[in-house]
Protein backbone atom coordinates (compact mmCIF):
# COMPACT_ATOMS: atom_id res chain seq x y z
CA MET A 1 -27.83 -22.45 34.17
CA ALA A 2 -26.81 -18.95 33.12
CA LYS A 3 -27.95 -17.73 29.72
CA PRO A 4 -25.20 -16.89 27.23
CA SER A 5 -24.52 -13.18 26.88
CA THR A 6 -26.33 -11.45 24.02
CA ALA A 7 -24.36 -8.22 24.32
CA LEU A 8 -22.99 -7.01 21.01
CA PRO A 9 -19.21 -6.51 20.71
CA ALA A 10 -18.18 -2.89 21.45
CA VAL A 11 -16.44 -0.93 18.69
CA ILE A 12 -15.27 2.65 19.12
CA VAL A 13 -15.51 4.93 16.08
CA LEU A 14 -13.05 7.80 15.57
CA GLY A 15 -14.26 10.31 13.05
CA GLN A 16 -17.81 10.34 11.74
CA PRO A 17 -17.66 8.13 8.66
CA THR A 18 -20.19 8.77 5.91
CA LEU A 19 -20.63 5.01 6.00
CA PHE A 20 -22.70 5.36 9.19
CA ASN A 21 -25.14 7.73 7.49
CA ILE A 22 -25.88 5.02 4.94
CA TYR A 23 -25.33 1.67 6.65
CA GLY A 24 -25.49 2.60 10.33
CA GLU A 25 -28.65 0.59 10.95
CA GLN A 26 -27.30 -2.60 9.37
CA LEU A 27 -24.02 -2.28 11.25
CA SER A 28 -25.78 -1.64 14.57
CA HIS A 29 -27.45 -5.06 14.36
CA LYS A 30 -24.01 -6.67 14.55
CA PHE A 31 -21.96 -4.40 16.82
CA GLN A 32 -22.37 -1.85 19.58
CA PHE A 33 -20.81 1.33 18.24
CA LEU A 34 -19.42 3.93 20.63
CA LYS A 35 -19.68 7.28 18.85
CA PRO A 36 -17.84 10.20 20.49
CA TRP A 37 -19.63 12.74 18.29
CA GLU A 38 -22.95 11.81 19.96
CA SER A 39 -21.57 12.49 23.44
CA SER A 40 -21.12 15.81 25.26
CA LEU A 41 -17.96 14.45 26.91
CA PRO A 42 -14.50 15.52 25.68
CA LEU A 43 -12.96 12.84 23.47
CA GLU A 44 -10.37 11.60 25.99
CA GLN A 45 -12.98 11.37 28.74
CA PHE A 46 -15.37 9.54 26.45
CA ILE A 47 -12.66 7.06 25.48
CA SER A 48 -11.59 6.52 29.10
CA THR A 49 -15.19 5.80 30.09
CA HIS A 50 -15.32 2.82 27.73
CA ALA A 51 -11.64 1.88 27.72
CA GLN A 52 -11.83 -1.55 29.30
CA SER A 53 -14.60 -2.84 27.01
CA VAL A 54 -13.14 -1.72 23.67
CA GLN A 55 -11.15 -4.22 21.64
CA ALA A 56 -11.95 -2.83 18.19
CA MET A 57 -11.89 0.55 16.47
CA ILE A 58 -13.13 1.98 13.19
CA SER A 59 -11.25 5.04 12.01
CA SER A 60 -12.07 7.61 9.34
CA PRO A 61 -9.00 9.73 8.52
CA LYS A 62 -11.07 12.28 6.61
CA ASP A 63 -13.07 13.11 9.73
CA PHE A 64 -10.71 12.42 12.64
CA VAL A 65 -8.08 15.11 13.11
CA GLY A 66 -4.93 13.67 14.61
CA LYS A 67 -2.83 10.52 14.49
CA ILE A 68 -3.86 7.22 16.01
CA SER A 69 -0.74 6.61 18.08
CA SER A 70 0.65 5.80 21.52
CA SER A 71 -1.18 8.57 23.40
CA LEU A 72 -4.49 7.17 22.19
CA PHE A 73 -3.46 3.56 22.71
CA CYS A 74 -2.69 4.33 26.36
CA LEU A 75 -6.35 5.24 26.79
CA LEU A 76 -7.44 1.95 25.19
CA PRO A 77 -5.41 -0.83 26.84
CA SER A 78 -7.71 -3.57 25.48
CA LEU A 79 -7.60 -2.42 21.85
CA ARG A 80 -6.63 -5.25 19.52
CA VAL A 81 -7.75 -4.21 16.04
CA ILE A 82 -8.16 -1.01 13.99
CA VAL A 83 -10.27 -1.11 10.85
CA THR A 84 -9.85 2.03 8.76
CA SER A 85 -12.33 3.17 6.13
CA SER A 86 -9.48 4.33 3.88
CA ALA A 87 -6.90 2.60 1.73
CA GLY A 88 -4.22 4.87 3.18
CA VAL A 89 -2.94 4.25 6.70
CA ASN A 90 -0.71 7.31 7.21
CA HIS A 91 -2.98 8.38 10.10
CA ILE A 92 -2.07 5.25 12.08
CA ASP A 93 1.24 4.63 13.86
CA LEU A 94 1.88 1.18 12.43
CA LEU A 95 5.13 0.64 14.31
CA GLU A 96 3.38 1.25 17.62
CA CYS A 97 0.53 -1.03 16.56
CA ARG A 98 3.00 -3.81 15.82
CA ARG A 99 4.72 -3.26 19.16
CA ARG A 100 1.42 -3.50 21.02
CA GLY A 101 0.06 -6.41 19.00
CA ILE A 102 -2.74 -4.38 17.44
CA SER A 103 -3.92 -5.64 14.05
CA VAL A 104 -4.79 -3.15 11.30
CA ALA A 105 -7.10 -3.63 8.32
CA ASN A 106 -7.76 -1.11 5.55
CA ALA A 107 -10.08 -0.61 2.58
CA VAL A 108 -7.50 -2.01 0.12
CA SER A 109 -8.72 -1.45 -3.47
CA VAL A 110 -12.41 -0.87 -2.70
CA PHE A 111 -12.17 2.71 -3.98
CA SER A 112 -9.61 2.24 -6.76
CA GLU A 113 -11.97 2.17 -9.75
CA ASP A 114 -13.98 5.17 -8.60
CA VAL A 115 -10.95 7.26 -7.67
CA ALA A 116 -9.32 6.50 -11.02
CA ASP A 117 -12.51 7.56 -12.82
CA PHE A 118 -12.55 10.78 -10.81
CA ALA A 119 -8.91 11.57 -11.58
CA VAL A 120 -9.61 11.25 -15.29
CA GLY A 121 -12.75 13.35 -14.86
CA LEU A 122 -10.77 16.13 -13.17
CA LEU A 123 -8.22 16.12 -15.96
CA ILE A 124 -10.91 16.30 -18.64
CA ASP A 125 -12.62 19.12 -16.74
CA VAL A 126 -9.44 21.17 -16.40
CA LEU A 127 -8.37 20.72 -20.04
CA ARG A 128 -11.81 21.03 -21.66
CA LYS A 129 -13.02 23.77 -19.23
CA ILE A 130 -16.28 21.96 -18.48
CA SER A 131 -16.90 23.62 -15.10
CA VAL A 132 -15.94 27.01 -16.54
CA ALA A 133 -18.36 26.52 -19.43
CA ASP A 134 -21.08 25.46 -17.01
CA ARG A 135 -20.67 28.69 -15.03
CA PHE A 136 -20.55 30.69 -18.27
CA VAL A 137 -23.97 29.37 -19.29
CA LYS A 138 -25.60 29.46 -15.83
CA ASN A 139 -24.44 33.03 -15.20
CA GLY A 140 -26.15 34.17 -18.39
CA LEU A 141 -22.93 35.14 -20.16
CA TRP A 142 -23.58 33.26 -23.40
CA PRO A 143 -26.06 35.80 -24.86
CA LEU A 144 -23.92 38.69 -23.64
CA HIS A 145 -20.47 37.57 -24.78
CA GLY A 146 -21.01 34.70 -27.20
CA ASP A 147 -17.39 33.67 -27.56
CA PHE A 148 -15.83 31.26 -25.06
CA PRO A 149 -12.08 30.62 -24.62
CA LEU A 150 -10.65 27.67 -26.52
CA CYS A 151 -9.69 24.66 -24.45
CA SER A 152 -7.10 21.87 -24.78
CA LYS A 153 -7.49 18.28 -25.96
CA VAL A 154 -6.86 15.29 -23.73
CA GLY A 155 -5.51 12.81 -26.27
CA GLY A 156 -1.78 12.82 -26.88
CA ARG A 157 -0.92 14.31 -23.50
CA LYS A 158 2.27 13.11 -21.84
CA VAL A 159 1.00 11.97 -18.44
CA GLY A 160 3.21 11.13 -15.48
CA ILE A 161 1.64 8.99 -12.76
CA VAL A 162 3.17 9.55 -9.32
CA GLY A 163 2.58 6.27 -7.49
CA LEU A 164 1.70 3.34 -9.75
CA GLY A 165 -0.27 1.32 -7.21
CA SER A 166 -3.82 0.06 -7.61
CA ILE A 167 -5.26 3.52 -8.33
CA GLY A 168 -2.32 4.79 -10.36
CA LEU A 169 -2.37 1.76 -12.66
CA LYS A 170 -6.10 2.17 -13.28
CA VAL A 171 -5.60 5.87 -14.09
CA ALA A 172 -2.84 4.92 -16.53
CA LYS A 173 -5.03 2.33 -18.31
CA ARG A 174 -7.89 4.81 -18.65
CA LEU A 175 -5.71 7.60 -20.03
CA GLU A 176 -3.90 5.20 -22.32
CA ALA A 177 -7.29 4.60 -23.97
CA PHE A 178 -7.45 8.35 -24.66
CA GLY A 179 -4.17 8.13 -26.55
CA CYS A 180 -2.10 9.63 -23.73
CA ILE A 181 1.57 8.72 -23.39
CA ILE A 182 2.13 7.28 -19.91
CA SER A 183 5.21 7.24 -17.70
CA TYR A 184 5.49 6.93 -13.94
CA GLN A 185 7.45 7.41 -10.73
CA SER A 186 7.12 4.98 -7.85
CA ARG A 187 9.12 3.55 -4.97
CA LYS A 188 10.27 0.76 -7.23
CA LYS A 189 9.97 -0.29 -10.85
CA LYS A 190 6.79 -2.15 -11.74
CA PRO A 191 6.28 -5.00 -14.24
CA VAL A 192 4.67 -2.68 -16.83
CA SER A 193 5.75 -1.30 -20.19
CA TYR A 194 5.52 2.38 -19.18
CA PRO A 195 8.82 4.26 -18.78
CA PHE A 196 9.94 4.44 -15.15
CA TYR A 197 11.60 7.45 -13.52
CA PRO A 198 12.86 7.03 -9.95
CA ASP A 199 13.00 10.82 -9.52
CA VAL A 200 9.76 12.83 -9.66
CA HIS A 201 11.56 15.96 -10.88
CA GLU A 202 12.89 14.04 -13.88
CA LEU A 203 9.40 12.64 -14.51
CA ALA A 204 7.99 16.19 -14.54
CA THR A 205 10.49 17.29 -17.18
CA LYS A 206 9.18 14.53 -19.48
CA CYS A 207 5.46 15.27 -18.96
CA ASP A 208 2.84 17.96 -19.28
CA VAL A 209 0.43 16.33 -16.80
CA LEU A 210 1.15 14.87 -13.37
CA VAL A 211 -1.48 12.73 -11.63
CA ILE A 212 -0.74 12.22 -7.93
CA CYS A 213 -1.76 8.73 -6.77
CA CYS A 214 0.85 7.89 -4.11
CA ALA A 215 0.34 7.32 -0.40
CA LEU A 216 1.24 10.07 2.06
CA THR A 217 4.37 9.12 4.01
CA GLU A 218 7.27 11.04 5.49
CA GLN A 219 9.06 10.41 2.21
CA THR A 220 6.24 11.74 0.01
CA ARG A 221 5.21 14.76 2.11
CA HIS A 222 5.74 17.84 -0.11
CA LEU A 223 7.20 15.55 -2.77
CA ILE A 224 5.66 17.90 -5.33
CA ASN A 225 7.30 21.27 -4.69
CA LYS A 226 7.99 24.41 -6.70
CA GLU A 227 10.96 22.86 -8.48
CA VAL A 228 8.82 19.95 -9.69
CA LEU A 229 6.00 22.28 -10.74
CA LEU A 230 8.39 24.52 -12.69
CA ALA A 231 9.82 21.42 -14.37
CA LEU A 232 6.28 20.52 -15.44
CA GLY A 233 6.18 23.85 -17.26
CA LYS A 234 3.74 26.62 -18.15
CA GLY A 235 1.53 24.25 -20.11
CA GLY A 236 1.50 21.70 -17.31
CA VAL A 237 -1.51 20.42 -15.36
CA ILE A 238 -1.49 18.67 -11.99
CA ILE A 239 -4.23 16.37 -10.68
CA ASN A 240 -4.30 15.29 -7.03
CA ILE A 241 -6.62 12.56 -5.75
CA ALA A 242 -4.10 11.22 -3.19
CA ARG A 243 -3.47 13.38 -0.09
CA GLY A 244 -3.14 17.16 0.02
CA SER A 245 0.21 17.15 1.77
CA VAL A 246 1.95 15.28 -1.05
CA ILE A 247 2.02 18.73 -2.68
CA ASN A 248 3.50 21.83 -1.10
CA GLU A 249 0.19 23.66 -1.26
CA MET A 250 1.58 27.16 -0.75
CA GLU A 251 3.99 26.71 -3.65
CA LEU A 252 1.27 25.18 -5.82
CA VAL A 253 -1.03 28.17 -5.22
CA GLN A 254 1.81 30.53 -6.05
CA CYS A 255 2.55 28.72 -9.33
CA LEU A 256 -1.13 28.72 -10.31
CA VAL A 257 -1.68 32.39 -9.49
CA GLN A 258 1.48 33.39 -11.37
CA ARG A 259 0.58 31.07 -14.29
CA GLU A 260 3.77 29.07 -13.89
CA ILE A 261 1.62 26.02 -14.64
CA ALA A 262 -1.56 25.88 -16.72
CA GLY A 263 -4.03 24.36 -14.29
CA ALA A 264 -4.94 21.90 -11.56
CA GLY A 265 -7.69 19.52 -10.52
CA LEU A 266 -7.67 19.09 -6.74
CA ASP A 267 -9.84 16.77 -4.67
CA VAL A 268 -7.59 16.95 -1.58
CA PHE A 269 -5.90 19.71 0.41
CA GLU A 270 -3.31 20.12 3.14
CA ASN A 271 -5.64 21.41 5.86
CA GLU A 272 -9.09 20.09 5.03
CA PRO A 273 -11.72 21.45 5.02
CA ASN A 274 -9.77 24.70 4.62
CA VAL A 275 -8.97 25.51 1.00
CA PRO A 276 -6.70 28.43 -0.01
CA GLU A 277 -9.01 31.28 -1.02
CA ASP A 278 -6.63 32.36 -3.79
CA LEU A 279 -7.81 29.30 -5.73
CA PHE A 280 -11.48 30.31 -5.74
CA SER A 281 -11.18 32.93 -8.44
CA LEU A 282 -9.03 30.85 -10.81
CA ASP A 283 -10.78 29.44 -13.88
CA ASN A 284 -7.86 27.09 -14.53
CA VAL A 285 -8.49 25.18 -11.30
CA VAL A 286 -11.23 22.62 -10.51
CA LEU A 287 -11.85 22.02 -6.80
CA THR A 288 -13.81 19.20 -5.15
CA ARG A 289 -14.19 18.24 -1.51
CA HIS A 290 -12.33 14.93 -1.10
CA VAL A 291 -15.10 12.94 -2.79
CA ALA A 292 -13.20 10.93 -5.41
CA ALA A 293 -14.03 7.67 -3.63
CA CYS A 294 -17.65 8.46 -2.82
CA THR A 295 -20.07 6.40 -4.89
CA GLU A 296 -22.98 4.25 -3.78
CA ASN A 297 -21.20 1.21 -5.19
CA SER A 298 -17.93 1.72 -3.36
CA PHE A 299 -19.67 2.43 -0.06
CA ARG A 300 -21.63 -0.79 -0.35
CA ASP A 301 -18.36 -2.64 -0.87
CA LEU A 302 -16.78 -0.74 2.03
CA TYR A 303 -19.67 -1.66 4.35
CA GLU A 304 -19.23 -5.34 3.51
CA LEU A 305 -15.45 -5.17 4.00
CA ILE A 306 -15.56 -3.32 7.33
CA SER A 307 -18.33 -5.57 8.61
CA GLY A 308 -16.44 -8.64 7.44
CA ASN A 309 -13.19 -7.53 9.08
CA LEU A 310 -14.90 -6.89 12.41
CA GLU A 311 -16.76 -10.20 12.27
CA ALA A 312 -13.52 -12.02 11.46
CA PHE A 313 -11.76 -10.38 14.41
CA PHE A 314 -14.46 -11.21 16.95
CA LEU A 315 -14.67 -14.79 15.63
CA ASN A 316 -10.87 -15.10 15.91
CA LYS A 317 -10.51 -15.59 12.15
CA PRO A 318 -8.00 -13.96 9.75
CA LEU A 319 -8.83 -10.40 8.75
CA LEU A 320 -10.07 -9.89 5.20
CA SER A 321 -7.74 -6.99 4.36
CA PRO A 322 -4.85 -6.96 6.82
CA VAL A 323 -2.18 -4.28 6.79
CA LEU A 324 -0.88 -5.62 10.08
CA ASP A 325 -2.35 -8.86 11.37
CA ASP A 326 -0.68 -10.01 14.54
């Protein structure tokens, strides 16, 4: 009598998720991970080599440049599920997935608390000049100059949230506790007491802070342009913890350099990891490297969710966090 197979299910990984640096060993006890970055083969050749055995994929949009779409699916005829390490799924062609019967699962609200905290932190930093003050002290300027520029208070700010989803709502609740006046723009009106503006330009005219929390879609690409920034005004601040391309980056840089707006806190950029060099010398801008979601706590939760989704798929059970579940 033949022994049952003990081979682990094969999962291809696109991108090099930070998750594997932390939980790679635990995951490898459950699945056989095919990692293109460990191979000398070109990506397409690597994928073709394993094509027939791969039913599942993990994707990391921060690390994989390109869209997961029909050209890639043609190389993976057996693919049946994509589990992404992000809440956003703009890097995946969902229509093509549905057509091919490929299920998709995402990170849902795993990162929401941490990203909301980070958005508030960026706003506080920009307004209270914390990073600027840190450099002032560390560069030895305190004994030489003494005086330091006055900063702005957080409380009482009129804050517009662009995208009142899981993250946006948590940002709103946090800033409400600071005494900020909240309003929002979203695809549709939400069951909340905050004023709703269907047009982002109109929202900007009513606010002096915009916090970008929406997903990146064809409709939201460059949603924040020069006209919106000018409507925000010379005292305005913009915070982006969503996706870089929601803002027209060239026009944002121009407005910051020319002091058409007062400042920005940016965790995301249009062409990561490339950041416009004009921003480096600006003391009214705080820059971070797409790390709003990165805490030990959230990565533990992400590990459990990704592992659970893959286990559910291979056991023919419902996915834990389906975006598409055919």
